[in-house]
Protein backbone atom coordinates (compact mmCIF):
# COMPACT_ATOMS: atom_id res chain seq x y z
CA UNK A 1 125.09 84.74 84.85
CA UNK A 2 124.74 85.16 88.70
CA UNK A 3 121.20 83.90 88.58
CA UNK A 4 121.73 80.97 86.23
CA UNK A 5 124.74 79.62 88.27
CA UNK A 6 122.35 79.17 91.17
CA UNK A 7 119.99 76.99 89.14
CA UNK A 8 120.26 73.27 88.99
CA UNK A 9 118.88 71.29 86.26
CA UNK A 10 118.19 67.50 86.25
CA UNK A 11 118.31 66.08 82.74
CA UNK A 12 116.77 62.57 82.07
CA UNK A 13 117.40 60.50 79.04
CA UNK A 14 118.11 56.96 78.25
CA UNK A 15 120.94 57.59 75.93
CA UNK A 16 124.24 58.63 77.84
CA UNK A 17 125.61 60.71 74.79
CA UNK A 18 122.36 62.89 74.97
CA UNK A 19 122.65 63.51 78.66
CA UNK A 20 126.32 64.19 78.35
CA UNK A 21 125.86 66.58 75.57
CA UNK A 22 123.01 68.37 77.30
CA UNK A 23 125.02 68.64 80.50
CA UNK A 24 128.04 70.28 78.61
CA UNK A 25 125.60 72.74 76.98
CA UNK A 26 123.95 73.79 80.10
CA UNK A 27 127.06 74.00 82.29
CA UNK A 28 128.76 76.21 79.54
CA UNK A 29 125.63 78.49 79.92
CA UNK A 30 126.38 78.73 83.64
CA UNK A 31 123.88 76.20 85.17
CA UNK A 32 124.63 73.37 87.46
CA UNK A 33 123.59 70.02 85.98
CA UNK A 34 122.87 66.41 87.12
CA UNK A 35 121.92 63.52 84.86
CA UNK A 36 119.95 60.27 85.02
CA UNK A 37 119.38 57.55 82.47
CA UNK A 38 116.21 56.40 83.69
CA UNK A 39 113.08 57.55 85.48
CA UNK A 40 113.58 55.85 88.81
CA UNK A 41 117.09 57.07 89.22
CA UNK A 42 115.95 60.58 88.46
CA UNK A 43 113.22 60.32 91.16
CA UNK A 44 115.77 59.20 93.66
CA UNK A 45 117.96 62.03 93.02
CA UNK A 46 115.14 64.35 93.21
CA UNK A 47 114.03 62.99 96.55
CA UNK A 48 117.59 62.88 97.90
CA UNK A 49 118.62 66.41 96.90
CA UNK A 50 115.50 68.29 96.58
CA UNK A 51 117.34 71.18 95.31
CA UNK A 52 116.39 70.76 91.71
CA UNK A 53 115.13 74.07 89.95
CA UNK A 54 114.20 72.44 86.56
CA UNK A 55 113.74 69.14 85.03
CA UNK A 56 114.48 68.19 81.33
CA UNK A 57 113.09 64.74 80.48
CA UNK A 58 112.63 62.40 77.44
CA UNK A 59 109.24 60.99 77.02
CA UNK A 60 110.51 57.56 76.28
CA UNK A 61 112.52 56.18 79.18
CA UNK A 62 113.31 52.39 79.87
CA UNK A 63 111.26 52.22 82.92
CA UNK A 64 108.69 55.00 83.75
CA UNK A 65 107.89 57.53 81.02
CA UNK A 66 108.32 61.22 80.98
CA UNK A 67 104.52 61.65 81.13
CA UNK A 68 104.48 59.60 84.46
CA UNK A 69 107.47 61.77 85.90
CA UNK A 70 105.13 64.78 85.03
CA UNK A 71 102.41 63.22 86.95
CA UNK A 72 104.69 62.69 90.04
CA UNK A 73 106.13 66.11 89.84
CA UNK A 74 102.70 67.85 89.75
CA UNK A 75 101.81 65.97 93.01
CA UNK A 76 104.95 66.12 95.06
CA UNK A 77 106.67 69.20 93.51
CA UNK A 78 103.81 71.31 92.21
CA UNK A 79 106.13 74.27 91.48
CA UNK A 80 109.03 72.50 89.89
CA UNK A 81 109.05 73.24 86.16
CA UNK A 82 109.49 70.53 83.53
CA UNK A 83 110.52 70.66 79.86
CA UNK A 84 109.95 67.64 77.82
CA UNK A 85 112.02 66.46 74.93
CA UNK A 86 111.60 63.56 72.58
CA UNK A 87 112.35 62.15 69.07
CA UNK A 88 108.87 60.88 68.77
CA UNK A 89 107.15 64.21 68.35
CA UNK A 90 103.40 64.11 67.69
CA UNK A 91 100.42 66.42 68.29
CA UNK A 92 98.99 63.90 70.85
CA UNK A 93 102.13 63.52 72.78
CA UNK A 94 102.64 67.25 72.96
CA UNK A 95 98.92 67.84 74.12
CA UNK A 96 99.56 65.28 76.87
CA UNK A 97 102.72 66.61 78.06
CA UNK A 98 101.28 70.12 78.27
CA UNK A 99 98.22 68.86 80.05
CA UNK A 100 100.34 67.12 82.55
CA UNK A 101 102.03 70.39 83.34
CA UNK A 102 105.03 70.56 81.05
CA UNK A 103 106.16 74.23 80.46
CA UNK A 104 107.76 73.52 77.10
CA UNK A 105 108.25 70.69 74.57
CA UNK A 106 111.40 70.40 72.50
CA UNK A 107 111.44 67.88 69.53
CA UNK A 108 114.69 66.20 68.71
CA UNK A 109 116.81 67.40 67.20
CA UNK A 110 117.01 70.88 68.75
CA UNK A 111 119.72 73.54 68.67
CA UNK A 112 121.64 74.64 71.80
CA UNK A 113 120.11 78.06 71.49
CA UNK A 114 116.71 76.59 71.47
CA UNK A 115 117.54 74.64 74.70
CA UNK A 116 118.89 77.47 76.50
CA UNK A 117 115.99 79.88 75.58
CA UNK A 118 113.55 77.24 76.77
CA UNK A 119 115.44 76.77 80.07
CA UNK A 120 115.53 80.53 80.62
CA UNK A 121 111.80 80.78 79.96
CA UNK A 122 111.01 77.93 82.38
CA UNK A 123 113.00 79.15 85.09
CA UNK A 124 111.67 82.67 84.88
CA UNK A 125 108.02 81.41 84.84
CA UNK A 126 108.77 79.12 87.89
CA UNK A 127 110.45 82.23 89.65
CA UNK A 128 107.50 84.34 88.92
CA UNK A 129 104.82 81.74 90.08
CA UNK A 130 106.75 81.07 93.45
CA UNK A 131 108.10 84.63 94.29
CA UNK A 132 107.28 85.65 97.69
CA UNK A 133 105.32 82.45 98.42
CA UNK A 134 107.38 81.44 101.59
CA UNK A 135 107.56 84.92 102.86
CA UNK A 136 104.26 86.52 102.20
CA UNK A 137 102.14 83.49 101.15
CA UNK A 138 101.40 85.30 97.94
CA UNK A 139 101.55 83.21 94.73
CA UNK A 140 101.28 84.85 91.41
CA UNK A 141 102.50 84.67 87.72
CA UNK A 142 100.62 87.58 86.10
CA UNK A 143 102.44 90.76 85.18
CA UNK A 144 99.89 92.78 87.11
CA UNK A 145 100.70 91.12 90.30
CA UNK A 146 104.42 91.31 89.63
CA UNK A 147 103.97 95.20 89.48
CA UNK A 148 101.85 95.00 92.63
CA UNK A 149 104.50 93.15 94.48
CA UNK A 150 107.24 95.48 93.33
CA UNK A 151 105.11 98.26 94.79
CA UNK A 152 104.70 96.36 98.19
CA UNK A 153 108.48 96.19 98.34
CA UNK A 154 108.96 99.81 97.66
CA UNK A 155 106.17 101.14 99.88
CA UNK A 156 106.86 98.90 102.68
CA UNK A 157 110.12 100.73 103.43
CA UNK A 158 108.19 104.20 103.85
CA UNK A 159 105.91 105.26 106.64
CA UNK A 160 103.20 106.43 104.25
CA UNK A 161 99.60 105.56 104.83
CA UNK A 162 98.32 102.96 102.21
CA UNK A 163 94.84 102.48 100.67
CA UNK A 164 94.36 99.06 99.20
CA UNK A 165 91.28 98.77 96.95
CA UNK A 166 89.69 95.97 95.06
CA UNK A 167 86.66 93.41 95.19
CA UNK A 168 86.17 91.21 98.10
CA UNK A 169 88.31 88.23 98.09
CA UNK A 170 91.30 89.61 96.07
CA UNK A 171 93.85 89.25 99.05
CA UNK A 172 93.78 92.85 100.37
CA UNK A 173 94.78 91.69 103.89
CA UNK A 174 97.63 89.46 102.50
CA UNK A 175 99.00 92.62 100.64
CA UNK A 176 98.67 94.64 103.94
CA UNK A 177 100.65 91.85 105.85
CA UNK A 178 103.33 91.85 103.07
CA UNK A 179 103.70 95.70 103.46
CA UNK A 180 104.13 95.31 107.20
CA UNK A 181 106.68 92.36 106.96
CA UNK A 182 108.52 94.47 104.49
CA UNK A 183 108.65 97.54 106.72
CA UNK A 184 110.90 98.67 109.72
CA UNK A 185 107.90 97.80 111.73
CA UNK A 186 108.00 94.17 111.04
CA UNK A 187 109.07 93.02 114.50
CA UNK A 188 106.01 94.76 116.08
CA UNK A 189 102.36 94.10 116.03
CA UNK A 190 100.32 93.82 112.88
CA UNK A 191 96.60 94.34 114.21
CA UNK A 192 93.59 93.95 111.98
CA UNK A 193 90.18 95.55 112.34
CA UNK A 194 87.22 94.79 110.15
CA UNK A 195 85.07 97.99 110.44
CA UNK A 196 82.28 96.38 108.49
CA UNK A 197 81.95 93.50 110.85
CA UNK A 198 81.66 95.51 114.11
CA UNK A 199 78.54 97.24 115.19
CA UNK A 200 78.56 101.09 114.99
CA UNK A 201 78.18 101.43 118.67
CA UNK A 202 81.15 99.32 119.49
CA UNK A 203 83.58 100.45 116.74
CA UNK A 204 84.89 103.41 118.64
CA UNK A 205 85.67 101.33 121.70
CA UNK A 206 87.30 98.70 119.43
CA UNK A 207 89.73 101.10 117.88
CA UNK A 208 90.37 103.62 120.83
CA UNK A 209 89.54 101.52 124.00
CA UNK A 210 87.33 102.67 126.96
CA UNK A 211 87.57 103.33 130.47
CA UNK A 212 85.63 101.48 133.33
CA UNK A 213 82.06 102.78 133.30
CA UNK A 214 82.08 104.57 130.12
CA UNK A 215 79.01 102.70 128.91
CA UNK A 216 76.61 99.79 130.10
CA UNK A 217 78.81 96.73 130.35
CA UNK A 218 82.24 98.41 130.51
CA UNK A 219 83.07 96.68 133.76
CA UNK A 220 86.88 97.32 133.17
CA UNK A 221 89.19 99.52 131.35
CA UNK A 222 90.07 98.28 127.91
CA UNK A 223 92.86 99.09 125.39
CA UNK A 224 91.66 99.59 121.77
CA UNK A 225 93.42 98.47 118.63
CA UNK A 226 95.45 101.71 118.17
CA UNK A 227 97.06 101.29 121.66
CA UNK A 228 97.73 97.50 120.87
CA UNK A 229 99.24 98.45 117.45
CA UNK A 230 101.42 101.12 118.87
CA UNK A 231 105.00 100.93 117.19
CA UNK A 232 103.46 98.44 114.56
CA UNK A 233 100.81 98.41 111.82
CA UNK A 234 97.10 98.70 111.91
CA UNK A 235 94.94 97.29 109.09
CA UNK A 236 91.57 98.85 108.92
CA UNK A 237 89.55 96.82 106.47
CA UNK A 238 86.21 97.94 104.90
CA UNK A 239 87.01 101.51 105.82
CA UNK A 240 84.19 102.71 103.48
CA UNK A 241 81.54 101.28 105.82
CA UNK A 242 82.49 103.69 108.82
CA UNK A 243 79.88 106.28 109.86
CA UNK A 244 80.72 110.06 109.19
CA UNK A 245 81.18 110.34 112.88
CA UNK A 246 83.75 107.72 113.19
CA UNK A 247 85.45 109.13 110.10
CA UNK A 248 86.00 112.37 112.10
CA UNK A 249 87.57 110.62 114.80
CA UNK A 250 89.92 108.68 112.64
CA UNK A 251 90.91 111.64 110.62
CA UNK A 252 92.03 113.14 114.02
CA UNK A 253 94.32 110.27 114.70
CA UNK A 254 95.88 110.53 111.21
CA UNK A 255 96.32 114.16 111.51
CA UNK A 256 97.43 114.46 115.15
CA UNK A 257 98.70 111.05 116.15
CA UNK A 258 96.29 110.90 119.14
CA UNK A 259 93.07 109.84 120.37
CA UNK A 260 90.91 109.77 123.49
CA UNK A 261 89.45 106.37 124.96
CA UNK A 262 85.75 106.33 125.13
CA UNK A 263 84.61 107.93 128.41
CA UNK A 264 87.96 109.61 128.98
CA UNK A 265 89.39 113.22 128.46
CA UNK A 266 92.88 111.88 128.54
CA UNK A 267 94.74 112.21 125.13
CA UNK A 268 96.76 109.16 124.02
CA UNK A 269 99.67 109.38 121.72
CA UNK A 270 100.05 106.57 119.08
CA UNK A 271 102.84 105.68 116.58
CA UNK A 272 100.85 103.41 114.04
CA UNK A 273 101.20 103.02 110.55
CA UNK A 274 97.80 102.89 109.12
CA UNK A 275 96.96 100.60 106.05
CA UNK A 276 93.43 100.79 105.01
CA UNK A 277 91.25 98.77 102.55
CA UNK A 278 87.89 98.87 100.86
CA UNK A 279 85.92 97.23 98.11
CA UNK A 280 83.84 100.39 97.65
CA UNK A 281 84.37 103.35 95.33
CA UNK A 282 85.30 105.95 97.75
CA UNK A 283 85.19 108.72 95.16
CA UNK A 284 81.56 107.82 94.49
CA UNK A 285 80.97 107.64 98.15
CA UNK A 286 82.32 111.32 98.52
CA UNK A 287 79.88 112.32 95.74
CA UNK A 288 77.01 110.79 97.61
CA UNK A 289 78.25 112.50 100.81
CA UNK A 290 78.79 109.22 102.72
CA UNK A 291 82.49 109.51 102.83
CA UNK A 292 84.56 112.61 103.83
CA UNK A 293 86.89 113.96 101.11
CA UNK A 294 89.44 115.28 103.62
CA UNK A 295 89.84 111.46 105.01
CA UNK A 296 90.00 110.00 101.73
CA UNK A 297 93.08 112.11 100.81
CA UNK A 298 94.63 111.19 104.20
CA UNK A 299 94.19 107.57 103.49
CA UNK A 300 94.93 107.58 99.80
CA UNK A 301 98.58 108.85 100.06
CA UNK A 302 99.61 105.64 98.03
CA UNK A 303 97.00 103.49 96.48
CA UNK A 304 97.33 99.71 95.63
CA UNK A 305 94.49 98.40 93.49
CA UNK A 306 94.09 94.62 93.30
CA UNK A 307 92.64 93.35 90.12
CA UNK A 308 89.92 90.82 90.30
CA UNK A 309 90.98 87.16 89.55
CA UNK A 310 89.07 87.21 86.20
CA UNK A 311 91.64 89.84 84.98
CA UNK A 312 94.61 87.73 86.34
CA UNK A 313 94.17 84.62 84.48
CA UNK A 314 97.82 83.65 84.64
CA UNK A 315 97.44 83.52 88.36
CA UNK A 316 94.49 80.87 88.50
CA UNK A 317 96.39 77.74 87.84
CA UNK A 318 99.60 78.61 90.06
CA UNK A 319 97.03 79.56 92.90
CA UNK A 320 95.18 76.30 92.33
CA UNK A 321 98.17 74.20 92.53
CA UNK A 322 99.43 76.09 95.55
CA UNK A 323 96.14 75.53 97.46
CA UNK A 324 95.92 71.83 96.44
CA UNK A 325 99.74 71.20 97.50
CA UNK A 326 99.10 73.01 100.84
CA UNK A 327 95.74 70.98 101.38
CA UNK A 328 97.41 67.67 100.53
CA UNK A 329 98.78 67.22 104.09
CA UNK A 330 95.63 68.08 105.93
CA UNK A 331 93.62 65.20 107.71
CA UNK A 332 90.53 64.97 105.31
CA UNK A 333 92.23 65.93 102.04
CA UNK A 334 93.93 63.92 99.44
CA UNK A 335 96.59 64.83 96.77
CA UNK A 336 95.02 65.91 93.62
CA UNK A 337 96.16 66.97 90.15
CA UNK A 338 94.28 69.21 87.83
CA UNK A 339 92.50 67.32 84.93
CA UNK A 340 92.34 69.09 81.52
CA UNK A 341 88.60 69.56 82.22
CA UNK A 342 89.28 71.27 85.55
CA UNK A 343 91.87 73.49 83.93
CA UNK A 344 89.38 74.63 81.18
CA UNK A 345 86.78 75.26 83.85
CA UNK A 346 88.98 77.17 86.10
CA UNK A 347 90.23 79.41 83.18
CA UNK A 348 86.78 80.10 81.83
CA UNK A 349 85.10 80.83 85.00
CA UNK A 350 84.45 84.42 86.04
CA UNK A 351 85.24 84.19 89.70
CA UNK A 352 83.01 86.57 91.51
CA UNK A 353 84.52 85.69 94.80
CA UNK A 354 88.01 85.85 93.42
CA UNK A 355 91.12 84.26 95.21
CA UNK A 356 88.84 83.49 98.35
CA UNK A 357 86.36 81.57 96.10
CA UNK A 358 89.19 79.74 94.31
CA UNK A 359 90.62 78.61 97.75
CA UNK A 360 87.28 77.29 98.87
CA UNK A 361 86.70 75.35 95.66
CA UNK A 362 90.07 73.67 95.95
CA UNK A 363 89.36 72.73 99.55
CA UNK A 364 86.05 71.28 98.55
CA UNK A 365 87.68 69.54 95.75
CA UNK A 366 90.51 67.91 97.96
CA UNK A 367 87.73 66.57 100.25
CA UNK A 368 84.92 65.48 97.89
CA UNK A 369 86.59 64.33 94.67
CA UNK A 370 86.89 60.56 94.46
CA UNK A 371 89.48 60.40 91.79
CA UNK A 372 93.13 61.92 92.00
CA UNK A 373 92.04 64.66 89.46
CA UNK A 374 90.46 67.78 90.80
CA UNK A 375 86.75 68.13 89.86
CA UNK A 376 85.36 70.67 87.61
CA UNK A 377 83.99 73.89 89.41
CA UNK A 378 80.38 74.64 88.50
CA UNK A 379 79.80 78.47 87.78
CA UNK A 380 77.32 79.95 89.96
CA UNK A 381 77.44 77.33 92.78
CA UNK A 382 81.13 77.94 93.59
CA UNK A 383 81.90 74.29 92.99
């Protein structure tokens, strides 16, 4: 009961006998419970306390309806779960409540067991949706991402080299940052290098630094990223794009913990935890002789594979809501909710650009949509 005692539930119903009964049932189950007999009082309590973990509301209320409460919650509290109860059950009202974001729907009369089961499911869903959001900025609800975040927690405490694989836009850098923040190096530097974006002739200097006069334009000695990251973590993105010559130099750092700046014979020791990432199939690259097998096994001590968004359908709506809620406070954006058409389009689209594409679409929707419902993404155009 330790987790349930921490959960605060707000029950809204115009009949005092019902709110009293539900309050009793929930408190016996170990939950904290507050009640309101109209929508406006409920919203006042929600604004004043801002510590509610779950709302249970009747659809028919004397002032504003449960459907209107759902609308307000989706805009102002996008991660707050809502269960709808009503004595006027119908297919239409059920569909409307679910479309507006209700996690469950209980027609009266219902048993105490059915209520508690619905509460447990709603709180669990909300916990999965918001887990790590504040600490790592990673929002998820799918079981595959839950396993990955569990892996992040476990490997973060080690010093092992990590290889993060997955398509572009799946969030490899976010996972790398999460690993760093969960490590003993979290108070030290987290340094990123996109080896695919740096010209081959400059990558060695970018990683290892150079001395004055080492090459044309080297007018001063410069420290490389391995020096800057000393004591912390270095995230080397698109490692599969490195030339074979650079792979040899990187292998030396991993084997011996040392390197030489460009133009210098001095050996510099470094204490860096390397986290590499790629969207390439490195085993195929090894077969085609474009990637060194010995470097691959040095990098791939622990592999974390991020599945594409099309295989994480449960994450699409939580991510969409998170992006919209984050954008709502920006200068040129407006508060939006997802219409049923938008939800259908988001869930059926194949997302070749993955989470990055979804974030871009939500930003465009927040700027360009005229109504308060997010526009429908157009497959192939990104919006």
